[in-house]
Every structure is written in structure tokens, then in C-alpha cells.
N, C-alpha and C. Protein backbone atom coordinates (compact mmCIF):
# COMPACT_ATOMS: atom_id res chain seq x y z
N MET A 1 91.56 33.66 24.52
CA MET A 1 91.05 34.90 25.05
C MET A 1 91.84 36.05 24.43
N SER A 2 91.13 37.11 24.03
CA SER A 2 91.81 38.24 23.42
C SER A 2 92.46 39.11 24.49
N ASP A 3 93.38 39.96 24.06
CA ASP A 3 94.05 40.87 24.99
C ASP A 3 93.05 41.79 25.67
N GLU A 4 92.04 42.23 24.92
CA GLU A 4 91.03 43.14 25.48
C GLU A 4 90.24 42.45 26.59
N GLN A 5 89.87 41.20 26.39
CA GLN A 5 89.14 40.46 27.41
C GLN A 5 90.00 40.27 28.66
N GLY A 6 91.26 39.95 28.45
CA GLY A 6 92.19 39.79 29.57
C GLY A 6 92.35 41.09 30.34
N ASP A 7 92.46 42.21 29.60
CA ASP A 7 92.57 43.52 30.24
C ASP A 7 91.31 43.83 31.05
N ASN A 8 90.14 43.53 30.48
CA ASN A 8 88.88 43.79 31.18
C ASN A 8 88.78 42.96 32.46
N GLN A 9 89.24 41.71 32.41
CA GLN A 9 89.20 40.87 33.61
C GLN A 9 90.17 41.41 34.66
N SER A 10 91.34 41.87 34.23
CA SER A 10 92.31 42.44 35.17
C SER A 10 91.75 43.69 35.83
N ILE A 11 91.10 44.53 35.03
CA ILE A 11 90.49 45.76 35.56
C ILE A 11 89.37 45.40 36.52
N SER A 12 88.55 44.44 36.18
CA SER A 12 87.46 44.02 37.04
C SER A 12 87.99 43.50 38.38
N LYS A 13 89.04 42.70 38.31
CA LYS A 13 89.64 42.16 39.54
C LYS A 13 90.23 43.29 40.38
N ALA A 14 90.90 44.24 39.74
CA ALA A 14 91.48 45.38 40.45
C ALA A 14 90.38 46.24 41.09
N ASN A 15 89.26 46.43 40.37
CA ASN A 15 88.15 47.21 40.91
C ASN A 15 87.57 46.55 42.15
N LYS A 16 87.41 45.23 42.11
CA LYS A 16 86.88 44.51 43.27
C LYS A 16 87.83 44.65 44.46
N ASN A 17 89.12 44.55 44.20
CA ASN A 17 90.11 44.70 45.26
C ASN A 17 90.05 46.11 45.84
N LEU A 18 89.97 47.12 44.97
CA LEU A 18 89.88 48.50 45.42
C LEU A 18 88.59 48.73 46.21
N ASP A 19 87.48 48.21 45.72
CA ASP A 19 86.20 48.34 46.43
C ASP A 19 86.29 47.73 47.82
N ARG A 20 86.92 46.57 47.91
CA ARG A 20 87.07 45.89 49.21
C ARG A 20 87.92 46.74 50.15
N ARG A 21 88.98 47.31 49.63
CA ARG A 21 89.87 48.13 50.46
C ARG A 21 89.19 49.43 50.88
N LEU A 22 88.45 50.04 49.96
CA LEU A 22 87.78 51.29 50.29
C LEU A 22 86.62 51.08 51.26
N ALA A 23 86.05 49.88 51.26
CA ALA A 23 84.97 49.58 52.21
C ALA A 23 85.49 49.68 53.65
N LYS A 24 86.78 49.46 53.84
CA LYS A 24 87.39 49.58 55.16
C LYS A 24 87.68 51.03 55.52
N SER A 25 87.61 51.93 54.54
CA SER A 25 87.91 53.36 54.75
C SER A 25 86.81 54.21 54.13
N PRO A 26 85.64 54.25 54.75
CA PRO A 26 84.53 55.00 54.15
C PRO A 26 84.83 56.49 53.97
N ARG A 27 85.66 57.03 54.85
CA ARG A 27 86.00 58.46 54.73
C ARG A 27 86.79 58.72 53.46
N VAL A 28 87.73 57.83 53.14
CA VAL A 28 88.53 57.96 51.92
C VAL A 28 87.63 57.78 50.69
N TYR A 29 86.77 56.79 50.75
CA TYR A 29 85.84 56.52 49.64
C TYR A 29 84.98 57.74 49.36
N GLN A 30 84.43 58.33 50.42
CA GLN A 30 83.59 59.52 50.28
C GLN A 30 84.39 60.69 49.70
N ARG A 31 85.62 60.86 50.18
CA ARG A 31 86.46 61.96 49.71
C ARG A 31 86.82 61.79 48.23
N LEU A 32 87.06 60.56 47.79
CA LEU A 32 87.34 60.33 46.37
C LEU A 32 86.14 60.72 45.51
N HIS A 33 84.95 60.41 45.97
CA HIS A 33 83.75 60.82 45.24
C HIS A 33 83.64 62.34 45.19
N GLN A 34 83.96 63.00 46.30
CA GLN A 34 83.91 64.46 46.33
C GLN A 34 84.90 65.07 45.34
N ILE A 35 86.09 64.48 45.28
CA ILE A 35 87.10 64.97 44.34
C ILE A 35 86.62 64.79 42.90
N ALA A 36 86.07 63.63 42.59
CA ALA A 36 85.56 63.37 41.23
C ALA A 36 84.43 64.34 40.90
N ASP A 37 83.52 64.57 41.84
CA ASP A 37 82.42 65.51 41.62
C ASP A 37 82.95 66.92 41.38
N ALA A 38 83.92 67.34 42.20
CA ALA A 38 84.49 68.68 42.05
C ALA A 38 85.17 68.84 40.70
N MET A 39 85.85 67.79 40.24
CA MET A 39 86.51 67.85 38.94
C MET A 39 85.49 67.99 37.81
N GLU A 40 84.41 67.21 37.90
CA GLU A 40 83.37 67.30 36.87
C GLU A 40 82.75 68.70 36.86
N GLU A 41 82.47 69.26 38.03
CA GLU A 41 81.90 70.60 38.11
C GLU A 41 82.88 71.64 37.57
N ALA A 42 84.16 71.50 37.91
CA ALA A 42 85.16 72.46 37.46
C ALA A 42 85.28 72.45 35.94
N ILE A 43 85.30 71.26 35.37
CA ILE A 43 85.41 71.15 33.92
C ILE A 43 84.16 71.71 33.24
N ALA A 44 83.00 71.42 33.82
CA ALA A 44 81.74 71.93 33.26
C ALA A 44 81.66 73.45 33.34
N SER A 45 82.31 74.02 34.38
CA SER A 45 82.25 75.48 34.54
C SER A 45 83.29 76.20 33.71
N GLY A 46 84.10 75.46 32.97
CA GLY A 46 85.04 76.07 32.04
C GLY A 46 86.45 76.27 32.58
N LEU A 47 86.81 75.58 33.64
CA LEU A 47 88.18 75.67 34.14
C LEU A 47 89.15 75.21 33.06
N THR A 48 90.30 75.85 33.01
CA THR A 48 91.31 75.41 32.06
C THR A 48 91.91 74.09 32.55
N ALA A 49 92.60 73.41 31.67
CA ALA A 49 93.24 72.15 32.03
C ALA A 49 94.26 72.37 33.14
N ASP A 50 95.01 73.47 33.06
CA ASP A 50 96.01 73.76 34.10
C ASP A 50 95.33 74.00 35.45
N GLU A 51 94.24 74.74 35.46
CA GLU A 51 93.52 75.01 36.71
C GLU A 51 92.92 73.73 37.29
N ALA A 52 92.36 72.90 36.42
CA ALA A 52 91.78 71.64 36.87
C ALA A 52 92.87 70.72 37.42
N GLU A 53 94.02 70.71 36.77
CA GLU A 53 95.13 69.89 37.25
C GLU A 53 95.60 70.37 38.62
N GLU A 54 95.73 71.67 38.78
CA GLU A 54 96.17 72.23 40.06
C GLU A 54 95.17 71.89 41.17
N MET A 55 93.89 72.00 40.86
CA MET A 55 92.86 71.66 41.83
C MET A 55 92.92 70.18 42.22
N ALA A 56 93.08 69.33 41.22
CA ALA A 56 93.14 67.88 41.47
C ALA A 56 94.35 67.54 42.33
N ILE A 57 95.49 68.11 42.02
CA ILE A 57 96.70 67.84 42.80
C ILE A 57 96.52 68.27 44.24
N ARG A 58 95.97 69.46 44.44
CA ARG A 58 95.75 69.97 45.79
C ARG A 58 94.82 69.05 46.58
N GLN A 59 93.73 68.61 45.94
CA GLN A 59 92.76 67.77 46.63
C GLN A 59 93.32 66.37 46.92
N VAL A 60 94.09 65.83 46.01
CA VAL A 60 94.69 64.51 46.24
C VAL A 60 95.74 64.60 47.35
N ASN A 61 96.48 65.71 47.40
CA ASN A 61 97.44 65.91 48.49
C ASN A 61 96.73 65.98 49.83
N GLU A 62 95.61 66.69 49.89
CA GLU A 62 94.83 66.77 51.12
C GLU A 62 94.32 65.38 51.53
N LEU A 63 93.88 64.61 50.56
CA LEU A 63 93.43 63.25 50.84
C LEU A 63 94.57 62.41 51.39
N GLY A 64 95.73 62.52 50.78
CA GLY A 64 96.90 61.78 51.25
C GLY A 64 97.26 62.15 52.68
N ASN A 65 97.21 63.43 53.00
CA ASN A 65 97.50 63.87 54.37
C ASN A 65 96.49 63.29 55.35
N ALA A 66 95.22 63.27 54.98
CA ALA A 66 94.18 62.71 55.85
C ALA A 66 94.41 61.21 56.04
N MET A 67 94.79 60.52 54.97
CA MET A 67 95.04 59.08 55.07
C MET A 67 96.23 58.80 56.00
N ILE A 68 97.28 59.59 55.89
CA ILE A 68 98.45 59.41 56.76
C ILE A 68 98.06 59.71 58.20
N GLY A 69 97.24 60.72 58.41
CA GLY A 69 96.76 61.03 59.76
C GLY A 69 95.96 59.88 60.35
N ASP A 70 95.07 59.30 59.55
CA ASP A 70 94.28 58.15 60.00
C ASP A 70 95.19 56.97 60.34
N TRP A 71 96.19 56.74 59.49
CA TRP A 71 97.12 55.65 59.72
C TRP A 71 97.89 55.86 61.03
N ALA A 72 98.34 57.10 61.25
CA ALA A 72 99.11 57.39 62.46
C ALA A 72 98.26 57.16 63.71
N GLN A 73 97.00 57.57 63.67
CA GLN A 73 96.11 57.35 64.82
C GLN A 73 95.92 55.86 65.07
N ALA A 74 95.72 55.10 64.01
CA ALA A 74 95.54 53.65 64.15
C ALA A 74 96.79 53.01 64.74
N GLN A 75 97.96 53.44 64.27
CA GLN A 75 99.22 52.90 64.78
C GLN A 75 99.41 53.23 66.26
N GLU A 76 99.01 54.44 66.64
CA GLU A 76 99.11 54.84 68.04
C GLU A 76 98.24 53.95 68.92
N GLN A 77 97.02 53.69 68.46
CA GLN A 77 96.11 52.83 69.22
C GLN A 77 96.68 51.42 69.36
N ILE A 78 97.26 50.91 68.29
CA ILE A 78 97.86 49.58 68.32
C ILE A 78 99.02 49.57 69.31
N SER A 79 99.86 50.58 69.28
CA SER A 79 101.01 50.66 70.18
C SER A 79 100.57 50.72 71.64
N VAL A 80 99.53 51.49 71.92
CA VAL A 80 99.03 51.60 73.29
C VAL A 80 98.51 50.25 73.76
N ARG A 81 97.72 49.58 72.92
CA ARG A 81 97.19 48.26 73.30
C ARG A 81 98.31 47.26 73.56
N GLU A 82 99.31 47.26 72.69
CA GLU A 82 100.43 46.33 72.86
C GLU A 82 101.21 46.63 74.13
N ALA A 83 101.41 47.91 74.41
CA ALA A 83 102.14 48.28 75.62
C ALA A 83 101.35 47.88 76.87
N GLN A 84 100.05 48.07 76.83
CA GLN A 84 99.22 47.71 77.98
C GLN A 84 99.16 46.20 78.18
N LYS A 85 99.21 45.45 77.09
CA LYS A 85 99.24 43.98 77.21
C LYS A 85 100.52 43.55 77.90
N GLY A 86 101.63 44.17 77.56
CA GLY A 86 102.92 43.81 78.12
C GLY A 86 103.08 44.26 79.56
N ASN A 87 102.41 45.33 79.94
CA ASN A 87 102.55 45.86 81.29
C ASN A 87 101.17 46.33 81.76
N GLN A 88 100.49 45.50 82.52
CA GLN A 88 99.12 45.79 82.95
C GLN A 88 99.04 47.02 83.87
N SER A 89 100.16 47.44 84.44
CA SER A 89 100.12 48.60 85.34
C SER A 89 100.07 49.92 84.58
N LEU A 90 100.29 49.86 83.27
CA LEU A 90 100.21 51.08 82.47
C LEU A 90 98.76 51.52 82.36
N THR A 91 98.54 52.81 82.48
CA THR A 91 97.20 53.36 82.28
C THR A 91 97.30 54.49 81.28
N LYS A 92 96.20 54.73 80.63
CA LYS A 92 96.16 55.82 79.67
C LYS A 92 96.20 57.13 80.45
N ASP A 93 96.95 58.07 79.97
CA ASP A 93 97.07 59.37 80.62
C ASP A 93 95.73 60.09 80.52
N THR A 94 95.14 60.37 81.67
CA THR A 94 93.85 61.05 81.69
C THR A 94 93.91 62.25 82.60
N LYS A 95 92.95 63.13 82.45
CA LYS A 95 92.87 64.31 83.27
C LYS A 95 92.45 63.91 84.68
N LYS A 96 93.03 64.55 85.66
CA LYS A 96 92.68 64.26 87.04
C LYS A 96 91.31 64.81 87.35
N ASN A 97 90.60 64.14 88.26
CA ASN A 97 89.27 64.58 88.65
C ASN A 97 89.30 65.40 89.93
N SER A 98 90.48 65.68 90.44
CA SER A 98 90.61 66.41 91.70
C SER A 98 90.16 67.84 91.53
N GLY A 99 89.55 68.35 92.58
CA GLY A 99 89.15 69.76 92.58
C GLY A 99 90.30 70.65 92.98
N GLY A 100 91.43 70.07 93.27
CA GLY A 100 92.60 70.85 93.65
C GLY A 100 92.77 70.88 95.15
N THR A 101 93.64 71.74 95.59
CA THR A 101 93.93 71.88 97.01
C THR A 101 92.95 72.85 97.65
N ALA A 102 92.50 72.54 98.84
CA ALA A 102 91.58 73.43 99.55
C ALA A 102 92.28 74.75 99.81
N PRO A 103 91.55 75.86 99.71
CA PRO A 103 92.17 77.17 99.94
C PRO A 103 92.64 77.30 101.38
N SER A 104 93.73 78.01 101.55
CA SER A 104 94.25 78.23 102.89
C SER A 104 93.53 79.41 103.53
N GLU A 105 93.76 79.58 104.86
CA GLU A 105 93.13 80.70 105.55
C GLU A 105 93.64 81.99 104.98
N SER A 106 92.78 82.98 104.97
CA SER A 106 93.22 84.27 104.46
C SER A 106 94.09 84.96 105.49
N SER A 107 95.04 85.74 105.05
CA SER A 107 95.91 86.46 105.97
C SER A 107 95.27 87.78 106.34
N ARG A 108 95.65 88.29 107.49
CA ARG A 108 95.05 89.56 107.97
C ARG A 108 95.90 90.71 107.71
């Protein structure tokens, strides 16, 4: 097998792995497409290489922040479930349904 064929198989395997991982994160997958589309539009509209690079960096940073936010939310949910398993008396903090205290008599 030639080096090029081996490289193509490695790339194909990596693509399948990435596709499988992105299938679990449709929001990330969609955002990557948006970034690619924006880059193509920017280049077509005559953006300089420096401007396109700055735009790409900004958008990838925003994507990274969103991914970390998603991860943190998932971790929080896991922690809550684990804590509740260990102690069934724990309840999720919720807003009270009470209407409050009845008003007192007015003073004269």
C-alpha cells in the first residue's frame, strides 16, 4: 500500500470518528457549518487574509465557549443525579408555590 493510500484511509477513519462524535452534538455540528459558510462568504466578498483569520479565530473561540458551557451543564446534571442517588431526601431547589402570608388587619 502506498503512503497516499494509507493517508487516505487514516483521514477516512478520522472523518468517521468525527462524524460519530458530532452526531452527539448537533449544535456544534451546525455551528461548524455556519463558520465554514461565513468563511467562504468572507473570502468571496474580498476580505483580506488577516481579516478572515481574525473572524475565524473569533468564531472558533465562541464555539469553544459554547462547548464548555454545554459540558458544564451536562456535568451539573450528572452531579445532581449522583447526589440524589446517594441521598433520596435531596430535592432540586424550586420556587415555592406559596402565595405568601395573609395580610394583617389595617391599623387605624
